[in-house]
Amino acid sequence: MKSRTLPFVAALGVFTVFYGVPTALEHLVSGPLLLILFGDVVGCLALSRISWKIGATLYAGLTGVEAGLVHFQLISPSALLWCTDLVPALVLAAFAAALVSVSDMN
C-alpha cells in the first residue's frame, strides 16, 4: 500500500538534519561574516553531491544575497542566523520528498 505521508516524513527528516542541526551549531559562531560564509555550507555541500553546479551556484548566490542584506542593514545578524541554511534545506527536503514519491510508485 502506498503511503501519502512517507514523502512528508522524508522531507521533514531531511529538513531537520540540514536546517535544525546546522542552525543549532551556528549559535556558536560569532560575527555576521562567519555566519554568512559558513551558514549554507552544509546544505550546499549536500546539494553538490547531487549536482555540483546547483550546490556551487546556490552557495554563491545565497552568500551574495546574505552579504547584501547585512551590508545594507535590511536584516540583523541575529535574524540572519535563522535565514542561513533555510534555502538549501528546503531544496534538499523537496528532493527527498520527490525521491520517496517516485520510489513509492514502484
PDB file of N, CA and C in Angstrom:
ATOM      1  N   MET A   1       0.837  -1.182   0.000  1.00  0.00           N
ATOM      2  CA  MET A   1       0.000   0.000   0.000  1.00  0.00           C
ATOM      3  C   MET A   1       0.881   1.245   0.000  1.00  0.00           C
ATOM      4  N   LYS A   2       0.537   2.192  -0.857  1.00  0.00           N
ATOM      5  CA  LYS A   2       1.312   3.417  -0.976  1.00  0.00           C
ATOM      6  C   LYS A   2       0.935   4.383   0.138  1.00  0.00           C
ATOM      7  N   SER A   3       1.938   4.961   0.738  1.00  0.00           N
ATOM      8  CA  SER A   3       1.711   5.873   1.848  1.00  0.00           C
ATOM      9  C   SER A   3       1.850   7.317   1.380  1.00  0.00           C
ATOM     10  N   ARG A   4       0.853   8.125   1.684  1.00  0.00           N
ATOM     11  CA  ARG A   4       0.911   9.540   1.330  1.00  0.00           C
ATOM     12  C   ARG A   4       1.765  10.334   2.312  1.00  0.00           C
ATOM     13  N   THR A   5       1.957   9.805   3.482  1.00  0.00           N
ATOM     14  CA  THR A   5       2.715  10.539   4.493  1.00  0.00           C
ATOM     15  C   THR A   5       4.222  10.305   4.394  1.00  0.00           C
ATOM     16  N   LEU A   6       4.635   9.267   3.703  1.00  0.00           N
ATOM     17  CA  LEU A   6       6.059   8.947   3.620  1.00  0.00           C
ATOM     18  C   LEU A   6       6.888  10.073   2.987  1.00  0.00           C
ATOM     19  N   PRO A   7       6.450  10.696   1.878  1.00  0.00           N
ATOM     20  CA  PRO A   7       7.234  11.825   1.349  1.00  0.00           C
ATOM     21  C   PRO A   7       7.332  12.981   2.335  1.00  0.00           C
ATOM     22  N   PHE A   8       6.262  13.248   3.066  1.00  0.00           N
ATOM     23  CA  PHE A   8       6.292  14.315   4.067  1.00  0.00           C
ATOM     24  C   PHE A   8       7.274  13.997   5.183  1.00  0.00           C
ATOM     25  N   VAL A   9       7.248  12.756   5.643  1.00  0.00           N
ATOM     26  CA  VAL A   9       8.156  12.349   6.724  1.00  0.00           C
ATOM     27  C   VAL A   9       9.604  12.431   6.255  1.00  0.00           C
ATOM     28  N   ALA A  10       9.865  12.002   5.027  1.00  0.00           N
ATOM     29  CA  ALA A  10      11.222  12.083   4.482  1.00  0.00           C
ATOM     30  C   ALA A  10      11.676  13.532   4.366  1.00  0.00           C
ATOM     31  N   ALA A  11      10.799  14.389   3.856  1.00  0.00           N
ATOM     32  CA  ALA A  11      11.140  15.805   3.715  1.00  0.00           C
ATOM     33  C   ALA A  11      11.376  16.449   5.078  1.00  0.00           C
ATOM     34  N   LEU A  12      10.549  16.116   6.051  1.00  0.00           N
ATOM     35  CA  LEU A  12      10.707  16.672   7.400  1.00  0.00           C
ATOM     36  C   LEU A  12      12.018  16.216   8.037  1.00  0.00           C
ATOM     37  N   GLY A  13      12.368  14.956   7.845  1.00  0.00           N
ATOM     38  CA  GLY A  13      13.626  14.443   8.386  1.00  0.00           C
ATOM     39  C   GLY A  13      14.832  15.117   7.757  1.00  0.00           C
ATOM     40  N   VAL A  14      14.818  15.254   6.443  1.00  0.00           N
ATOM     41  CA  VAL A  14      15.928  15.909   5.750  1.00  0.00           C
ATOM     42  C   VAL A  14      16.010  17.377   6.156  1.00  0.00           C
ATOM     43  N   PHE A  15      14.864  18.047   6.255  1.00  0.00           N
ATOM     44  CA  PHE A  15      14.849  19.447   6.670  1.00  0.00           C
ATOM     45  C   PHE A  15      15.419  19.606   8.075  1.00  0.00           C
ATOM     46  N   THR A  16      15.046  18.707   8.960  1.00  0.00           N
ATOM     47  CA  THR A  16      15.546  18.774  10.338  1.00  0.00           C
ATOM     48  C   THR A  16      17.060  18.625  10.379  1.00  0.00           C
ATOM     49  N   VAL A  17      17.574  17.693   9.604  1.00  0.00           N
ATOM     50  CA  VAL A  17      19.022  17.452   9.595  1.00  0.00           C
ATOM     51  C   VAL A  17      19.771  18.634   8.979  1.00  0.00           C
ATOM     52  N   PHE A  18      19.276  19.144   7.846  1.00  0.00           N
ATOM     53  CA  PHE A  18      20.035  20.161   7.121  1.00  0.00           C
ATOM     54  C   PHE A  18      19.664  21.596   7.486  1.00  0.00           C
ATOM     55  N   TYR A  19      18.657  21.786   8.322  1.00  0.00           N
ATOM     56  CA  TYR A  19      18.367  23.123   8.836  1.00  0.00           C
ATOM     57  C   TYR A  19      18.551  23.181  10.348  1.00  0.00           C
ATOM     58  N   GLY A  20      17.953  22.254  11.045  1.00  0.00           N
ATOM     59  CA  GLY A  20      17.983  22.277  12.507  1.00  0.00           C
ATOM     60  C   GLY A  20      19.363  22.100  13.097  1.00  0.00           C
ATOM     61  N   VAL A  21      20.078  21.106  12.621  1.00  0.00           N
ATOM     62  CA  VAL A  21      21.400  20.823  13.185  1.00  0.00           C
ATOM     63  C   VAL A  21      22.398  21.945  12.876  1.00  0.00           C
ATOM     64  N   PRO A  22      22.552  22.375  11.608  1.00  0.00           N
ATOM     65  CA  PRO A  22      23.496  23.467  11.359  1.00  0.00           C
ATOM     66  C   PRO A  22      23.114  24.773  12.059  1.00  0.00           C
ATOM     67  N   THR A  23      21.816  25.073  12.131  1.00  0.00           N
ATOM     68  CA  THR A  23      21.390  26.298  12.802  1.00  0.00           C
ATOM     69  C   THR A  23      21.736  26.247  14.284  1.00  0.00           C
ATOM     70  N   ALA A  24      21.566  25.089  14.882  1.00  0.00           N
ATOM     71  CA  ALA A  24      21.934  24.939  16.299  1.00  0.00           C
ATOM     72  C   ALA A  24      23.434  25.141  16.489  1.00  0.00           C
ATOM     73  N   LEU A  25      24.240  24.617  15.569  1.00  0.00           N
ATOM     74  CA  LEU A  25      25.687  24.786  15.660  1.00  0.00           C
ATOM     75  C   LEU A  25      26.120  26.220  15.377  1.00  0.00           C
ATOM     76  N   GLU A  26      25.357  26.932  14.551  1.00  0.00           N
ATOM     77  CA  GLU A  26      25.717  28.302  14.206  1.00  0.00           C
ATOM     78  C   GLU A  26      25.537  29.261  15.375  1.00  0.00           C
ATOM     79  N   HIS A  27      24.837  28.842  16.405  1.00  0.00           N
ATOM     80  CA  HIS A  27      24.732  29.677  17.597  1.00  0.00           C
ATOM     81  C   HIS A  27      26.110  29.870  18.243  1.00  0.00           C
ATOM     82  N   LEU A  28      27.049  28.999  17.910  1.00  0.00           N
ATOM     83  CA  LEU A  28      28.402  29.100  18.446  1.00  0.00           C
ATOM     84  C   LEU A  28      29.278  30.072  17.660  1.00  0.00           C
ATOM     85  N   VAL A  29      28.835  30.441  16.442  1.00  0.00           N
ATOM     86  CA  VAL A  29      29.610  31.325  15.571  1.00  0.00           C
ATOM     87  C   VAL A  29      29.330  32.767  15.960  1.00  0.00           C
ATOM     88  N   SER A  30      30.389  33.545  16.058  1.00  0.00           N
ATOM     89  CA  SER A  30      30.200  34.965  16.361  1.00  0.00           C
ATOM     90  C   SER A  30      30.566  35.787  15.135  1.00  0.00           C
ATOM     91  N   GLY A  31      29.774  36.767  14.861  1.00  0.00           N
ATOM     92  CA  GLY A  31      30.043  37.668  13.750  1.00  0.00           C
ATOM     93  C   GLY A  31      29.262  37.317  12.507  1.00  0.00           C
ATOM     94  N   PRO A  32      28.680  38.326  11.860  1.00  0.00           N
ATOM     95  CA  PRO A  32      27.874  38.070  10.677  1.00  0.00           C
ATOM     96  C   PRO A  32      28.677  37.542   9.490  1.00  0.00           C
ATOM     97  N   LEU A  33      29.947  37.945   9.364  1.00  0.00           N
ATOM     98  CA  LEU A  33      30.745  37.466   8.225  1.00  0.00           C
ATOM     99  C   LEU A  33      30.931  35.965   8.284  1.00  0.00           C
ATOM    100  N   LEU A  34      31.287  35.444   9.450  1.00  0.00           N
ATOM    101  CA  LEU A  34      31.441  33.998   9.583  1.00  0.00           C
ATOM    102  C   LEU A  34      30.113  33.279   9.367  1.00  0.00           C
ATOM    103  N   LEU A  35      29.044  33.872   9.848  1.00  0.00           N
ATOM    104  CA  LEU A  35      27.724  33.272   9.670  1.00  0.00           C
ATOM    105  C   LEU A  35      27.341  33.238   8.195  1.00  0.00           C
ATOM    106  N   ILE A  36      27.654  34.300   7.472  1.00  0.00           N
ATOM    107  CA  ILE A  36      27.356  34.346   6.038  1.00  0.00           C
ATOM    108  C   ILE A  36      28.175  33.297   5.301  1.00  0.00           C
ATOM    109  N   LEU A  37      29.468  33.209   5.610  1.00  0.00           N
ATOM    110  CA  LEU A  37      30.342  32.288   4.891  1.00  0.00           C
ATOM    111  C   LEU A  37      30.053  30.826   5.206  1.00  0.00           C
ATOM    112  N   PHE A  38      29.716  30.528   6.462  1.00  0.00           N
ATOM    113  CA  PHE A  38      29.530  29.136   6.849  1.00  0.00           C
ATOM    114  C   PHE A  38      28.069  28.726   6.976  1.00  0.00           C
ATOM    115  N   GLY A  39      27.160  29.677   6.811  1.00  0.00           N
ATOM    116  CA  GLY A  39      25.750  29.400   7.036  1.00  0.00           C
ATOM    117  C   GLY A  39      25.150  28.341   6.139  1.00  0.00           C
ATOM    118  N   ASP A  40      25.455  28.382   4.861  1.00  0.00           N
ATOM    119  CA  ASP A  40      24.828  27.478   3.900  1.00  0.00           C
ATOM    120  C   ASP A  40      25.745  26.345   3.439  1.00  0.00           C
ATOM    121  N   VAL A  41      26.903  26.221   4.062  1.00  0.00           N
ATOM    122  CA  VAL A  41      27.901  25.257   3.598  1.00  0.00           C
ATOM    123  C   VAL A  41      27.391  23.822   3.638  1.00  0.00           C
ATOM    124  N   VAL A  42      26.809  23.406   4.729  1.00  0.00           N
ATOM    125  CA  VAL A  42      26.402  22.007   4.877  1.00  0.00           C
ATOM    126  C   VAL A  42      25.360  21.624   3.833  1.00  0.00           C
ATOM    127  N   GLY A  43      24.333  22.443   3.699  1.00  0.00           N
ATOM    128  CA  GLY A  43      23.282  22.142   2.724  1.00  0.00           C
ATOM    129  C   GLY A  43      23.775  22.190   1.292  1.00  0.00           C
ATOM    130  N   CYS A  44      24.595  23.187   0.982  1.00  0.00           N
ATOM    131  CA  CYS A  44      25.107  23.313  -0.387  1.00  0.00           C
ATOM    132  C   CYS A  44      26.104  22.205  -0.718  1.00  0.00           C
ATOM    133  N   LEU A  45      26.876  21.758   0.265  1.00  0.00           N
ATOM    134  CA  LEU A  45      27.757  20.610   0.019  1.00  0.00           C
ATOM    135  C   LEU A  45      26.934  19.348  -0.253  1.00  0.00           C
ATOM    136  N   ALA A  46      25.844  19.178   0.484  1.00  0.00           N
ATOM    137  CA  ALA A  46      24.973  18.029   0.229  1.00  0.00           C
ATOM    138  C   ALA A  46      24.341  18.137  -1.156  1.00  0.00           C
ATOM    139  N   LEU A  47      23.926  19.338  -1.536  1.00  0.00           N
ATOM    140  CA  LEU A  47      23.368  19.532  -2.879  1.00  0.00           C
ATOM    141  C   LEU A  47      24.416  19.302  -3.957  1.00  0.00           C
ATOM    142  N   SER A  48      25.655  19.623  -3.670  1.00  0.00           N
ATOM    143  CA  SER A  48      26.706  19.408  -4.662  1.00  0.00           C
ATOM    144  C   SER A  48      26.951  17.923  -4.928  1.00  0.00           C
ATOM    145  N   ARG A  49      26.537  17.076  -3.999  1.00  0.00           N
ATOM    146  CA  ARG A  49      26.622  15.621  -4.235  1.00  0.00           C
ATOM    147  C   ARG A  49      25.592  15.194  -5.274  1.00  0.00           C
ATOM    148  N   ILE A  50      24.501  15.963  -5.394  1.00  0.00           N
ATOM    149  CA  ILE A  50      23.501  15.697  -6.424  1.00  0.00           C
ATOM    150  C   ILE A  50      23.944  16.346  -7.730  1.00  0.00           C
ATOM    151  N   SER A  51      24.305  17.614  -7.657  1.00  0.00           N
ATOM    152  CA  SER A  51      24.797  18.364  -8.816  1.00  0.00           C
ATOM    153  C   SER A  51      25.722  19.466  -8.305  1.00  0.00           C
ATOM    154  N   TRP A  52      26.985  19.418  -8.689  1.00  0.00           N
ATOM    155  CA  TRP A  52      27.929  20.413  -8.193  1.00  0.00           C
ATOM    156  C   TRP A  52      27.554  21.807  -8.673  1.00  0.00           C
ATOM    157  N   LYS A  53      26.919  21.892  -9.848  1.00  0.00           N
ATOM    158  CA  LYS A  53      26.510  23.199 -10.364  1.00  0.00           C
ATOM    159  C   LYS A  53      25.415  23.811  -9.497  1.00  0.00           C
ATOM    160  N   ILE A  54      24.460  23.010  -9.079  1.00  0.00           N
ATOM    161  CA  ILE A  54      23.394  23.512  -8.207  1.00  0.00           C
ATOM    162  C   ILE A  54      23.987  23.944  -6.871  1.00  0.00           C
ATOM    163  N   GLY A  55      24.819  23.109  -6.276  1.00  0.00           N
ATOM    164  CA  GLY A  55      25.417  23.428  -4.987  1.00  0.00           C
ATOM    165  C   GLY A  55      26.263  24.679  -5.030  1.00  0.00           C
ATOM    166  N   ALA A  56      27.131  24.794  -6.024  1.00  0.00           N
ATOM    167  CA  ALA A  56      28.024  25.949  -6.130  1.00  0.00           C
ATOM    168  C   ALA A  56      27.265  27.232  -6.443  1.00  0.00           C
ATOM    169  N   THR A  57      26.323  27.144  -7.363  1.00  0.00           N
ATOM    170  CA  THR A  57      25.539  28.327  -7.735  1.00  0.00           C
ATOM    171  C   THR A  57      24.686  28.808  -6.571  1.00  0.00           C
ATOM    172  N   LEU A  58      24.052  27.873  -5.897  1.00  0.00           N
ATOM    173  CA  LEU A  58      23.215  28.246  -4.761  1.00  0.00           C
ATOM    174  C   LEU A  58      24.057  28.856  -3.638  1.00  0.00           C
ATOM    175  N   TYR A  59      25.208  28.269  -3.361  1.00  0.00           N
ATOM    176  CA  TYR A  59      26.068  28.819  -2.310  1.00  0.00           C
ATOM    177  C   TYR A  59      26.526  30.235  -2.658  1.00  0.00           C
ATOM    178  N   ALA A  60      26.992  30.425  -3.886  1.00  0.00           N
ATOM    179  CA  ALA A  60      27.471  31.754  -4.299  1.00  0.00           C
ATOM    180  C   ALA A  60      26.334  32.771  -4.269  1.00  0.00           C
ATOM    181  N   GLY A  61      25.188  32.384  -4.767  1.00  0.00           N
ATOM    182  CA  GLY A  61      24.055  33.301  -4.785  1.00  0.00           C
ATOM    183  C   GLY A  61      23.572  33.658  -3.389  1.00  0.00           C
ATOM    184  N   LEU A  62      23.423  32.663  -2.536  1.00  0.00           N
ATOM    185  CA  LEU A  62      22.951  32.917  -1.179  1.00  0.00           C
ATOM    186  C   LEU A  62      23.955  33.733  -0.372  1.00  0.00           C
ATOM    187  N   THR A  63      25.235  33.465  -0.567  1.00  0.00           N
ATOM    188  CA  THR A  63      26.264  34.232   0.133  1.00  0.00           C
ATOM    189  C   THR A  63      26.197  35.698  -0.276  1.00  0.00           C
ATOM    190  N   GLY A  64      26.021  35.948  -1.564  1.00  0.00           N
ATOM    191  CA  GLY A  64      25.898  37.326  -2.043  1.00  0.00           C
ATOM    192  C   GLY A  64      24.655  38.017  -1.511  1.00  0.00           C
ATOM    193  N   VAL A  65      23.534  37.327  -1.539  1.00  0.00           N
ATOM    194  CA  VAL A  65      22.282  37.912  -1.042  1.00  0.00           C
ATOM    195  C   VAL A  65      22.383  38.197   0.458  1.00  0.00           C
ATOM    196  N   GLU A  66      22.886  37.241   1.209  1.00  0.00           N
ATOM    197  CA  GLU A  66      23.008  37.428   2.659  1.00  0.00           C
ATOM    198  C   GLU A  66      23.975  38.555   2.995  1.00  0.00           C
ATOM    199  N   ALA A  67      25.080  38.638   2.260  1.00  0.00           N
ATOM    200  CA  ALA A  67      26.039  39.727   2.487  1.00  0.00           C
ATOM    201  C   ALA A  67      25.392  41.082   2.184  1.00  0.00           C
ATOM    202  N   GLY A  68      24.619  41.133   1.118  1.00  0.00           N
ATOM    203  CA  GLY A  68      23.922  42.365   0.775  1.00  0.00           C
ATOM    204  C   GLY A  68      22.890  42.757   1.819  1.00  0.00           C
ATOM    205  N   LEU A  69      22.147  41.778   2.316  1.00  0.00           N
ATOM    206  CA  LEU A  69      21.143  42.058   3.354  1.00  0.00           C
ATOM    207  C   LEU A  69      21.779  42.632   4.617  1.00  0.00           C
ATOM    208  N   VAL A  70      22.931  42.077   4.998  1.00  0.00           N
ATOM    209  CA  VAL A  70      23.612  42.569   6.193  1.00  0.00           C
ATOM    210  C   VAL A  70      24.269  43.923   5.915  1.00  0.00           C
ATOM    211  N   HIS A  71      24.904  44.061   4.751  1.00  0.00           N
ATOM    212  CA  HIS A  71      25.596  45.306   4.422  1.00  0.00           C
ATOM    213  C   HIS A  71      24.636  46.495   4.392  1.00  0.00           C
ATOM    214  N   PHE A  72      23.479  46.319   3.789  1.00  0.00           N
ATOM    215  CA  PHE A  72      22.503  47.400   3.697  1.00  0.00           C
ATOM    216  C   PHE A  72      21.557  47.442   4.899  1.00  0.00           C
ATOM    217  N   GLN A  73      21.890  46.670   5.910  1.00  0.00           N
ATOM    218  CA  GLN A  73      21.158  46.627   7.183  1.00  0.00           C
ATOM    219  C   GLN A  73      19.669  46.350   6.987  1.00  0.00           C
ATOM    220  N   LEU A  74      19.365  45.452   6.058  1.00  0.00           N
ATOM    221  CA  LEU A  74      17.986  45.034   5.840  1.00  0.00           C
ATOM    222  C   LEU A  74      17.594  43.878   6.748  1.00  0.00           C
ATOM    223  N   ILE A  75      18.616  43.274   7.360  1.00  0.00           N
ATOM    224  CA  ILE A  75      18.388  42.173   8.287  1.00  0.00           C
ATOM    225  C   ILE A  75      19.448  42.243   9.377  1.00  0.00           C
ATOM    226  N   SER A  76      19.060  41.928  10.568  1.00  0.00           N
ATOM    227  CA  SER A  76      20.034  41.953  11.665  1.00  0.00           C
ATOM    228  C   SER A  76      20.824  40.639  11.679  1.00  0.00           C
ATOM    229  N   PRO A  77      22.023  40.666  12.222  1.00  0.00           N
ATOM    230  CA  PRO A  77      22.790  39.420  12.305  1.00  0.00           C
ATOM    231  C   PRO A  77      22.066  38.328  13.085  1.00  0.00           C
ATOM    232  N   SER A  78      21.280  38.697  14.084  1.00  0.00           N
ATOM    233  CA  SER A  78      20.547  37.670  14.833  1.00  0.00           C
ATOM    234  C   SER A  78      19.438  37.050  13.977  1.00  0.00           C
ATOM    235  N   ALA A  79      18.802  37.834  13.112  1.00  0.00           N
ATOM    236  CA  ALA A  79      17.787  37.284  12.207  1.00  0.00           C
ATOM    237  C   ALA A  79      18.442  36.478  11.087  1.00  0.00           C
ATOM    238  N   LEU A  80      19.647  36.878  10.701  1.00  0.00           N
ATOM    239  CA  LEU A  80      20.380  36.156   9.661  1.00  0.00           C
ATOM    240  C   LEU A  80      20.643  34.714  10.074  1.00  0.00           C
ATOM    241  N   LEU A  81      20.846  34.517  11.358  1.00  0.00           N
ATOM    242  CA  LEU A  81      21.080  33.163  11.872  1.00  0.00           C
ATOM    243  C   LEU A  81      19.963  32.215  11.452  1.00  0.00           C
ATOM    244  N   TRP A  82      18.733  32.694  11.464  1.00  0.00           N
ATOM    245  CA  TRP A  82      17.586  31.843  11.136  1.00  0.00           C
ATOM    246  C   TRP A  82      17.364  31.729   9.641  1.00  0.00           C
ATOM    247  N   CYS A  83      17.960  32.625   8.849  1.00  0.00           N
ATOM    248  CA  CYS A  83      17.775  32.592   7.397  1.00  0.00           C
ATOM    249  C   CYS A  83      18.775  31.688   6.694  1.00  0.00           C
ATOM    250  N   THR A  84      20.011  31.664   7.223  1.00  0.00           N
ATOM    251  CA  THR A  84      21.001  30.802   6.585  1.00  0.00           C
ATOM    252  C   THR A  84      20.570  29.355   6.781  1.00  0.00           C
ATOM    253  N   ASP A  85      20.925  28.524   5.887  1.00  0.00           N
ATOM    254  CA  ASP A  85      20.579  27.097   5.859  1.00  0.00           C
ATOM    255  C   ASP A  85      19.152  26.835   5.392  1.00  0.00           C
ATOM    256  N   LEU A  86      18.305  27.840   5.362  1.00  0.00           N
ATOM    257  CA  LEU A  86      16.897  27.612   5.053  1.00  0.00           C
ATOM    258  C   LEU A  86      16.692  27.154   3.613  1.00  0.00           C
ATOM    259  N   VAL A  87      17.242  27.879   2.650  1.00  0.00           N
ATOM    260  CA  VAL A  87      17.013  27.552   1.241  1.00  0.00           C
ATOM    261  C   VAL A  87      17.613  26.186   0.866  1.00  0.00           C
ATOM    262  N   PRO A  88      18.884  25.909   1.202  1.00  0.00           N
ATOM    263  CA  PRO A  88      19.397  24.577   0.865  1.00  0.00           C
ATOM    264  C   PRO A  88      18.607  23.451   1.542  1.00  0.00           C
ATOM    265  N   ALA A  89      18.175  23.681   2.778  1.00  0.00           N
ATOM    266  CA  ALA A  89      17.399  22.653   3.480  1.00  0.00           C
ATOM    267  C   ALA A  89      16.061  22.412   2.792  1.00  0.00           C
ATOM    268  N   LEU A  90      15.414  23.477   2.332  1.00  0.00           N
ATOM    269  CA  LEU A  90      14.143  23.321   1.620  1.00  0.00           C
ATOM    270  C   LEU A  90      14.330  22.600   0.285  1.00  0.00           C
ATOM    271  N   VAL A  91      15.397  22.924  -0.433  1.00  0.00           N
ATOM    272  CA  VAL A  91      15.669  22.255  -1.709  1.00  0.00           C
ATOM    273  C   VAL A  91      15.953  20.770  -1.472  1.00  0.00           C
ATOM    274  N   LEU A  92      16.767  20.454  -0.475  1.00  0.00           N
ATOM    275  CA  LEU A  92      17.055  19.056  -0.158  1.00  0.00           C
ATOM    276  C   LEU A  92      15.798  18.313   0.294  1.00  0.00           C
ATOM    277  N   ALA A  93      14.940  18.977   1.061  1.00  0.00           N
ATOM    278  CA  ALA A  93      13.688  18.353   1.502  1.00  0.00           C
ATOM    279  C   ALA A  93      12.787  18.063   0.308  1.00  0.00           C
ATOM    280  N   ALA A  94      12.744  18.987  -0.655  1.00  0.00           N
ATOM    281  CA  ALA A  94      11.948  18.755  -1.865  1.00  0.00           C
ATOM    282  C   ALA A  94      12.508  17.583  -2.666  1.00  0.00           C
ATOM    283  N   PHE A  95      13.829  17.501  -2.790  1.00  0.00           N
ATOM    284  CA  PHE A  95      14.448  16.354  -3.466  1.00  0.00           C
ATOM    285  C   PHE A  95      14.090  15.050  -2.749  1.00  0.00           C
ATOM    286  N   ALA A  96      14.154  15.050  -1.428  1.00  0.00           N
ATOM    287  CA  ALA A  96      13.845  13.848  -0.667  1.00  0.00           C
ATOM    288  C   ALA A  96      12.396  13.430  -0.859  1.00  0.00           C
ATOM    289  N   ALA A  97      11.470  14.384  -0.807  1.00  0.00           N
ATOM    290  CA  ALA A  97      10.052  14.067  -0.987  1.00  0.00           C
ATOM    291  C   ALA A  97       9.798  13.524  -2.398  1.00  0.00           C
ATOM    292  N   ALA A  98      10.428  14.127  -3.392  1.00  0.00           N
ATOM    293  CA  ALA A  98      10.267  13.663  -4.764  1.00  0.00           C
ATOM    294  C   ALA A  98      10.847  12.261  -4.942  1.00  0.00           C
ATOM    295  N   LEU A  99      11.996  12.018  -4.362  1.00  0.00           N
ATOM    296  CA  LEU A  99      12.636  10.714  -4.482  1.00  0.00           C
ATOM    297  C   LEU A  99      11.785   9.619  -3.834  1.00  0.00           C
ATOM    298  N   VAL A 100      11.250   9.911  -2.664  1.00  0.00           N
ATOM    299  CA  VAL A 100      10.409   8.930  -1.971  1.00  0.00           C
ATOM    300  C   VAL A 100       9.114   8.715  -2.740  1.00  0.00           C
ATOM    301  N   SER A 101       8.551   9.776  -3.308  1.00  0.00           N
ATOM    302  CA  SER A 101       7.322   9.637  -4.090  1.00  0.00           C
ATOM    303  C   SER A 101       7.544   8.771  -5.320  1.00  0.00           C
ATOM    304  N   VAL A 102       8.650   8.991  -6.007  1.00  0.00           N
ATOM    305  CA  VAL A 102       8.951   8.204  -7.204  1.00  0.00           C
ATOM    306  C   VAL A 102       9.240   6.756  -6.836  1.00  0.00           C
ATOM    307  N   SER A 103      10.000   6.533  -5.762  1.00  0.00           N
ATOM    308  CA  SER A 103      10.323   5.156  -5.385  1.00  0.00           C
ATOM    309  C   SER A 103       9.092   4.439  -4.843  1.00  0.00           C
ATOM    310  N   ASP A 104       8.126   5.179  -4.309  1.00  0.00           N
ATOM    311  CA  ASP A 104       6.897   4.591  -3.796  1.00  0.00           C
ATOM    312  C   ASP A 104       5.966   4.151  -4.919  1.00  0.00           C
ATOM    313  N   MET A 105       6.176   4.679  -6.119  1.00  0.00           N
ATOM    314  CA  MET A 105       5.338   4.320  -7.269  1.00  0.00           C
ATOM    315  C   MET A 105       5.622   2.902  -7.750  1.00  0.00           C
ATOM    316  N   ASN A 106       6.815   2.454  -7.495  1.00  0.00           N
ATOM    317  CA  ASN A 106       7.207   1.122  -7.992  1.00  0.00           C
ATOM    318  C   ASN A 106       6.705   0.026  -7.112  1.00  0.00           C
TER     319      ASN A 106
END
